[in-house]
Amino acid sequence: MDLCFPGCSPMSGPNAVSGLEGGSLTVQCVYDPGWETYYKWWCRGAHWVNCKILVKTTGSEQQVKKDRVSIRDSQKNRIFRVTMGKLREDDAGIYWCGIERTGIDLAVKVNVSIDPAPATLEETTGSPTMTSQLSDVRSLLSSVYFWILVFLEMPLLLVMLSAVLWVNRPQRGPEEGGGVSPTMRTSSPGAQDALSKNTDC
């Protein structure tokens, strides 16, 4: 625990905390009686004297939130809590719990580390290698599906084509194919002899 100056320890906090990327973390800083109504703050920087204050209380127990950071002072329990949400990798660094007062503020150093989020299934399958393999599988399945449809539909198409050709086949007339003319079919042998005699006369 790092304090603002040697021999001064009216507050304490964790030396280090960690959070998961995309999640949140909470830091609890405890202070001694008599500091309840003082402003409490949370800042970031290697040295607390010139660190950037991210959020600060109003001297009450009301929660104060700014961007992704919030702070609430529980004066009854003499604990103020800082919560950082939607953690990012670049949130890792040196932070300070502090109490504002006349002269030199009180501060406790907190080392914040951010653990990477576990890879999801979507991220894993989204890698170039997996994407290429999935593309090849889809292409193969598409080809197999196409040929299955061709073999299943080919007999049906042949039957339909045969039916169309049968319906549209050409009709042969009575004069076709060397058949006997209507005149010849209606004339009897006797009539032909009579016709021949009349011609001789």
C-alpha atoms as a PDB file:
ATOM      1  CA  MET A   1       0.000   0.000   0.000  1.00  0.00           C
ATOM      2  CA  ASP A   2       1.429   3.341  -1.141  1.00  0.00           C
ATOM      3  CA  LEU A   3       0.410   6.432   0.830  1.00  0.00           C
ATOM      4  CA  CYS A   4       0.814  10.105   0.111  1.00  0.00           C
ATOM      5  CA  PHE A   5       3.634  10.536   2.601  1.00  0.00           C
ATOM      6  CA  PRO A   6       5.391   8.439   5.274  1.00  0.00           C
ATOM      7  CA  GLY A   7       3.580   8.034   8.555  1.00  0.00           C
ATOM      8  CA  CYS A   8       0.239   9.207   7.153  1.00  0.00           C
ATOM      9  CA  SER A   9      -2.244   6.348   6.761  1.00  0.00           C
ATOM     10  CA  PRO A  10      -5.825   7.579   7.244  1.00  0.00           C
ATOM     11  CA  MET A  11      -6.895   5.561   4.180  1.00  0.00           C
ATOM     12  CA  SER A  12      -6.051   2.293   2.519  1.00  0.00           C
ATOM     13  CA  GLY A  13      -6.829   0.396  -0.655  1.00  0.00           C
ATOM     14  CA  PRO A  14      -5.772  -2.595  -2.748  1.00  0.00           C
ATOM     15  CA  ASN A  15      -2.321  -2.638  -4.233  1.00  0.00           C
ATOM     16  CA  ALA A  16      -3.577  -4.155  -7.468  1.00  0.00           C
ATOM     17  CA  VAL A  17      -6.846  -5.131  -9.133  1.00  0.00           C
ATOM     18  CA  SER A  18      -7.629  -6.793 -12.449  1.00  0.00           C
ATOM     19  CA  GLY A  19     -10.611  -6.936 -14.737  1.00  0.00           C
ATOM     20  CA  LEU A  20     -11.697  -8.772 -17.867  1.00  0.00           C
ATOM     21  CA  GLU A  21     -11.720  -6.910 -21.155  1.00  0.00           C
ATOM     22  CA  GLY A  22     -15.272  -5.868 -21.924  1.00  0.00           C
ATOM     23  CA  GLY A  23     -16.306  -6.352 -18.276  1.00  0.00           C
ATOM     24  CA  SER A  24     -15.987  -4.155 -15.197  1.00  0.00           C
ATOM     25  CA  LEU A  25     -13.990  -3.881 -11.987  1.00  0.00           C
ATOM     26  CA  THR A  26     -14.573  -2.223  -8.614  1.00  0.00           C
ATOM     27  CA  VAL A  27     -11.992  -0.731  -6.277  1.00  0.00           C
ATOM     28  CA  GLN A  28     -12.775  -0.157  -2.591  1.00  0.00           C
ATOM     29  CA  CYS A  29     -10.819   2.416  -0.608  1.00  0.00           C
ATOM     30  CA  VAL A  30     -11.289   2.684   3.180  1.00  0.00           C
ATOM     31  CA  TYR A  31     -10.690   5.806   5.242  1.00  0.00           C
ATOM     32  CA  ASP A  32     -10.599   6.672   8.967  1.00  0.00           C
ATOM     33  CA  PRO A  33     -13.304   8.587  10.886  1.00  0.00           C
ATOM     34  CA  GLY A  34     -13.331  12.329  10.317  1.00  0.00           C
ATOM     35  CA  TRP A  35     -12.988  12.192   6.537  1.00  0.00           C
ATOM     36  CA  GLU A  36     -16.624  11.404   5.723  1.00  0.00           C
ATOM     37  CA  THR A  37     -17.608  14.720   4.086  1.00  0.00           C
ATOM     38  CA  TYR A  38     -14.365  15.288   2.210  1.00  0.00           C
ATOM     39  CA  TYR A  39     -14.296  14.911  -1.559  1.00  0.00           C
ATOM     40  CA  LYS A  40     -13.033  11.547  -2.753  1.00  0.00           C
ATOM     41  CA  TRP A  41     -11.490  11.127  -6.198  1.00  0.00           C
ATOM     42  CA  TRP A  42     -10.089   8.583  -8.647  1.00  0.00           C
ATOM     43  CA  CYS A  43      -7.291   9.543 -10.993  1.00  0.00           C
ATOM     44  CA  ARG A  44      -4.890   7.991 -13.445  1.00  0.00           C
ATOM     45  CA  GLY A  45      -1.190   8.644 -13.853  1.00  0.00           C
ATOM     46  CA  ALA A  46       2.245   7.537 -12.751  1.00  0.00           C
ATOM     47  CA  HIS A  47       2.342  10.230 -10.025  1.00  0.00           C
ATOM     48  CA  TRP A  48      -0.737  11.295  -8.129  1.00  0.00           C
ATOM     49  CA  VAL A  49       0.344  14.933  -7.821  1.00  0.00           C
ATOM     50  CA  ASN A  50      -0.219  15.453 -11.547  1.00  0.00           C
ATOM     51  CA  CYS A  51      -2.526  12.564 -12.439  1.00  0.00           C
ATOM     52  CA  LYS A  52      -5.749  13.102 -14.357  1.00  0.00           C
ATOM     53  CA  ILE A  53      -8.842  12.984 -12.132  1.00  0.00           C
ATOM     54  CA  LEU A  54     -11.462  10.831 -13.849  1.00  0.00           C
ATOM     55  CA  VAL A  55     -14.306  11.198 -11.343  1.00  0.00           C
ATOM     56  CA  LYS A  56     -14.877  12.889  -7.943  1.00  0.00           C
ATOM     57  CA  THR A  57     -17.603  12.811  -5.279  1.00  0.00           C
ATOM     58  CA  THR A  58     -19.625  15.850  -4.197  1.00  0.00           C
ATOM     59  CA  GLY A  59     -19.058  15.396  -0.472  1.00  0.00           C
ATOM     60  CA  SER A  60     -22.216  13.304  -0.143  1.00  0.00           C
ATOM     61  CA  GLU A  61     -23.155   9.672  -0.642  1.00  0.00           C
ATOM     62  CA  GLN A  62     -24.630  10.364  -4.058  1.00  0.00           C
ATOM     63  CA  GLN A  63     -23.107   8.383  -6.911  1.00  0.00           C
ATOM     64  CA  VAL A  64     -21.216  10.368  -9.505  1.00  0.00           C
ATOM     65  CA  LYS A  65     -20.641   8.921 -12.966  1.00  0.00           C
ATOM     66  CA  LYS A  66     -18.488  10.206 -15.791  1.00  0.00           C
ATOM     67  CA  ASP A  67     -18.030   8.307 -19.033  1.00  0.00           C
ATOM     68  CA  ARG A  68     -17.264   4.694 -18.046  1.00  0.00           C
ATOM     69  CA  VAL A  69     -16.262   5.434 -14.446  1.00  0.00           C
ATOM     70  CA  SER A  70     -18.443   5.941 -11.365  1.00  0.00           C
ATOM     71  CA  ILE A  71     -17.711   6.666  -7.699  1.00  0.00           C
ATOM     72  CA  ARG A  72     -19.868   6.427  -4.571  1.00  0.00           C
ATOM     73  CA  ASP A  73     -18.925   7.308  -1.020  1.00  0.00           C
ATOM     74  CA  SER A  74     -20.536   5.248   1.728  1.00  0.00           C
ATOM     75  CA  GLN A  75     -19.892   7.667   4.592  1.00  0.00           C
ATOM     76  CA  LYS A  76     -21.563   5.444   7.167  1.00  0.00           C
ATOM     77  CA  ASN A  77     -19.102   2.635   6.430  1.00  0.00           C
ATOM     78  CA  ARG A  78     -16.263   5.029   5.510  1.00  0.00           C
ATOM     79  CA  ILE A  79     -15.675   3.277   2.183  1.00  0.00           C
ATOM     80  CA  PHE A  80     -15.763   4.777  -1.272  1.00  0.00           C
ATOM     81  CA  ARG A  81     -16.054   2.532  -4.295  1.00  0.00           C
ATOM     82  CA  VAL A  82     -14.893   3.195  -7.817  1.00  0.00           C
ATOM     83  CA  THR A  83     -16.293   1.155 -10.700  1.00  0.00           C
ATOM     84  CA  MET A  84     -14.832   1.072 -14.196  1.00  0.00           C
ATOM     85  CA  GLY A  85     -17.031  -0.443 -16.903  1.00  0.00           C
ATOM     86  CA  LYS A  86     -16.647  -1.628 -20.491  1.00  0.00           C
ATOM     87  CA  LEU A  87     -12.985  -2.267 -19.836  1.00  0.00           C
ATOM     88  CA  ARG A  88     -10.506  -1.951 -22.667  1.00  0.00           C
ATOM     89  CA  GLU A  89      -6.958  -3.175 -22.981  1.00  0.00           C
ATOM     90  CA  ASP A  90      -5.609   0.380 -22.796  1.00  0.00           C
ATOM     91  CA  ASP A  91      -7.314   0.908 -19.412  1.00  0.00           C
ATOM     92  CA  ALA A  92      -4.413  -0.902 -17.758  1.00  0.00           C
ATOM     93  CA  GLY A  93      -2.116   1.363 -15.781  1.00  0.00           C
ATOM     94  CA  ILE A  94      -1.499   3.192 -12.509  1.00  0.00           C
ATOM     95  CA  TYR A  95      -4.500   4.732 -10.710  1.00  0.00           C
ATOM     96  CA  TRP A  96      -4.978   6.463  -7.357  1.00  0.00           C
ATOM     97  CA  CYS A  97      -7.698   6.573  -4.705  1.00  0.00           C
ATOM     98  CA  GLY A  98      -7.615  10.015  -3.162  1.00  0.00           C
ATOM     99  CA  ILE A  99      -9.164  12.344  -0.599  1.00  0.00           C
ATOM    100  CA  GLU A 100      -9.110  16.038  -1.319  1.00  0.00           C
ATOM    101  CA  ARG A 101      -8.058  18.272   1.551  1.00  0.00           C
ATOM    102  CA  THR A 102      -6.322  21.555   2.214  1.00  0.00           C
ATOM    103  CA  GLY A 103      -2.650  21.259   1.468  1.00  0.00           C
ATOM    104  CA  ILE A 104      -1.522  17.832   0.261  1.00  0.00           C
ATOM    105  CA  ASP A 105      -4.241  15.362  -0.736  1.00  0.00           C
ATOM    106  CA  LEU A 106      -4.254  11.835   0.566  1.00  0.00           C
ATOM    107  CA  ALA A 107      -3.707   9.116  -2.046  1.00  0.00           C
ATOM    108  CA  VAL A 108      -3.318   5.361  -2.399  1.00  0.00           C
ATOM    109  CA  LYS A 109      -1.764   3.773  -5.463  1.00  0.00           C
ATOM    110  CA  VAL A 110      -3.663   1.023  -7.292  1.00  0.00           C
ATOM    111  CA  ASN A 111      -2.199  -0.961 -10.183  1.00  0.00           C
ATOM    112  CA  VAL A 112      -4.944  -1.923 -12.651  1.00  0.00           C
ATOM    113  CA  SER A 113      -4.429  -4.761 -15.132  1.00  0.00           C
ATOM    114  CA  ILE A 114      -6.802  -5.884 -17.872  1.00  0.00           C
ATOM    115  CA  ASP A 115      -7.038  -9.527 -18.869  1.00  0.00           C
ATOM    116  CA  PRO A 116      -7.941 -10.297 -22.492  1.00  0.00           C
ATOM    117  CA  ALA A 117     -11.424 -11.630 -23.106  1.00  0.00           C
ATOM    118  CA  PRO A 118     -11.577 -15.333 -24.057  1.00  0.00           C
ATOM    119  CA  ALA A 119     -11.974 -15.989 -27.752  1.00  0.00           C
ATOM    120  CA  THR A 120     -15.557 -16.744 -28.754  1.00  0.00           C
ATOM    121  CA  LEU A 121     -16.648 -19.403 -31.230  1.00  0.00           C
ATOM    122  CA  GLU A 122     -17.540 -16.708 -33.736  1.00  0.00           C
ATOM    123  CA  GLU A 123     -14.068 -15.185 -33.509  1.00  0.00           C
ATOM    124  CA  THR A 124     -12.458 -18.624 -33.902  1.00  0.00           C
ATOM    125  CA  THR A 125     -14.482 -19.546 -36.973  1.00  0.00           C
ATOM    126  CA  GLY A 126     -13.875 -16.090 -38.337  1.00  0.00           C
ATOM    127  CA  SER A 127     -10.131 -16.679 -38.779  1.00  0.00           C
ATOM    128  CA  PRO A 128      -8.834 -16.717 -42.389  1.00  0.00           C
ATOM    129  CA  THR A 129      -7.969 -20.442 -42.267  1.00  0.00           C
ATOM    130  CA  MET A 130     -11.373 -21.504 -40.935  1.00  0.00           C
ATOM    131  CA  THR A 131     -13.160 -19.182 -43.368  1.00  0.00           C
ATOM    132  CA  SER A 132     -11.300 -20.742 -46.309  1.00  0.00           C
ATOM    133  CA  GLN A 133     -12.098 -24.271 -45.140  1.00  0.00           C
ATOM    134  CA  LEU A 134     -15.778 -23.457 -44.670  1.00  0.00           C
ATOM    135  CA  SER A 135     -15.872 -21.932 -48.155  1.00  0.00           C
ATOM    136  CA  ASP A 136     -14.416 -25.125 -49.661  1.00  0.00           C
ATOM    137  CA  VAL A 137     -16.955 -27.281 -47.806  1.00  0.00           C
ATOM    138  CA  ARG A 138     -19.853 -25.117 -48.982  1.00  0.00           C
ATOM    139  CA  SER A 139     -18.583 -25.326 -52.582  1.00  0.00           C
ATOM    140  CA  LEU A 140     -18.330 -29.126 -52.400  1.00  0.00           C
ATOM    141  CA  LEU A 141     -21.804 -29.468 -50.896  1.00  0.00           C
ATOM    142  CA  SER A 142     -23.247 -27.209 -53.594  1.00  0.00           C
ATOM    143  CA  SER A 143     -21.713 -29.380 -56.335  1.00  0.00           C
ATOM    144  CA  VAL A 144     -23.008 -32.599 -54.765  1.00  0.00           C
ATOM    145  CA  TYR A 145     -26.465 -31.112 -54.341  1.00  0.00           C
ATOM    146  CA  PHE A 146     -26.494 -29.987 -57.991  1.00  0.00           C
ATOM    147  CA  TRP A 147     -25.654 -33.451 -59.335  1.00  0.00           C
ATOM    148  CA  ILE A 148     -28.185 -35.116 -57.059  1.00  0.00           C
ATOM    149  CA  LEU A 149     -30.879 -32.854 -58.482  1.00  0.00           C
ATOM    150  CA  VAL A 150     -29.719 -33.618 -62.024  1.00  0.00           C
ATOM    151  CA  PHE A 151     -29.924 -37.405 -61.540  1.00  0.00           C
ATOM    152  CA  LEU A 152     -33.271 -37.178 -59.770  1.00  0.00           C
ATOM    153  CA  GLU A 153     -34.876 -34.917 -62.354  1.00  0.00           C
ATOM    154  CA  MET A 154     -33.406 -36.495 -65.504  1.00  0.00           C
ATOM    155  CA  PRO A 155     -35.888 -39.432 -65.684  1.00  0.00           C
ATOM    156  CA  LEU A 156     -38.810 -37.057 -65.160  1.00  0.00           C
ATOM    157  CA  LEU A 157     -37.549 -34.779 -67.919  1.00  0.00           C
ATOM    158  CA  LEU A 158     -37.160 -37.730 -70.303  1.00  0.00           C
ATOM    159  CA  VAL A 159     -40.725 -38.884 -69.612  1.00  0.00           C
ATOM    160  CA  MET A 160     -42.084 -35.383 -70.196  1.00  0.00           C
ATOM    161  CA  LEU A 161     -40.094 -35.051 -73.433  1.00  0.00           C
ATOM    162  CA  SER A 162     -41.380 -38.410 -74.686  1.00  0.00           C
ATOM    163  CA  ALA A 163     -44.963 -37.391 -73.931  1.00  0.00           C
ATOM    164  CA  VAL A 164     -44.547 -34.124 -75.805  1.00  0.00           C
ATOM    165  CA  LEU A 165     -43.058 -35.879 -78.828  1.00  0.00           C
ATOM    166  CA  TRP A 166     -45.870 -38.458 -78.837  1.00  0.00           C
ATOM    167  CA  VAL A 167     -48.595 -35.843 -78.750  1.00  0.00           C
ATOM    168  CA  ASN A 168     -46.957 -33.785 -81.490  1.00  0.00           C
ATOM    169  CA  ARG A 169     -46.126 -36.698 -83.815  1.00  0.00           C
ATOM    170  CA  PRO A 170     -47.158 -36.155 -87.518  1.00  0.00           C
ATOM    171  CA  GLN A 171     -50.472 -37.775 -88.643  1.00  0.00           C
ATOM    172  CA  ARG A 172     -50.319 -39.871 -91.871  1.00  0.00           C
ATOM    173  CA  GLY A 173     -53.112 -39.153 -94.365  1.00  0.00           C
ATOM    174  CA  PRO A 174     -54.858 -41.701 -96.612  1.00  0.00           C
ATOM    175  CA  GLU A 175     -52.867 -40.604 -99.681  1.00  0.00           C
ATOM    176  CA  GLU A 176     -49.556 -41.252 -97.896  1.00  0.00           C
ATOM    177  CA  GLY A 177     -47.683 -44.519 -97.889  1.00  0.00           C
ATOM    178  CA  GLY A 178     -48.762 -45.742-101.382  1.00  0.00           C
ATOM    179  CA  GLY A 179     -52.380 -46.468-100.386  1.00  0.00           C
ATOM    180  CA  VAL A 180     -55.271 -46.886-102.858  1.00  0.00           C
ATOM    181  CA  SER A 181     -57.038 -43.684-103.853  1.00  0.00           C
ATOM    182  CA  PRO A 182     -60.682 -43.169-102.832  1.00  0.00           C
ATOM    183  CA  THR A 183     -61.762 -43.562-106.500  1.00  0.00           C
ATOM    184  CA  MET A 184     -60.089 -46.891-106.835  1.00  0.00           C
ATOM    185  CA  ARG A 185     -61.468 -48.137-103.518  1.00  0.00           C
ATOM    186  CA  THR A 186     -65.104 -47.325-104.525  1.00  0.00           C
ATOM    187  CA  SER A 187     -64.882 -48.781-108.055  1.00  0.00           C
ATOM    188  CA  SER A 188     -65.851 -52.453-108.364  1.00  0.00           C
ATOM    189  CA  PRO A 189     -64.357 -54.857-110.939  1.00  0.00           C
ATOM    190  CA  GLY A 190     -67.653 -54.877-112.871  1.00  0.00           C
ATOM    191  CA  ALA A 191     -67.722 -51.179-113.172  1.00  0.00           C
ATOM    192  CA  GLN A 192     -64.204 -51.226-114.516  1.00  0.00           C
ATOM    193  CA  ASP A 193     -65.198 -53.770-117.268  1.00  0.00           C
ATOM    194  CA  ALA A 194     -68.210 -51.673-118.263  1.00  0.00           C
ATOM    195  CA  LEU A 195     -66.071 -48.610-118.453  1.00  0.00           C
ATOM    196  CA  SER A 196     -63.602 -50.485-120.673  1.00  0.00           C
ATOM    197  CA  LYS A 197     -66.390 -51.642-123.089  1.00  0.00           C
ATOM    198  CA  ASN A 198     -67.878 -48.206-123.428  1.00  0.00           C
ATOM    199  CA  THR A 199     -64.466 -46.955-124.323  1.00  0.00           C
ATOM    200  CA  ASP A 200     -64.105 -49.548-127.097  1.00  0.00           C
ATOM    201  CA  CYS A 201     -67.372 -48.564-128.694  1.00  0.00           C
END
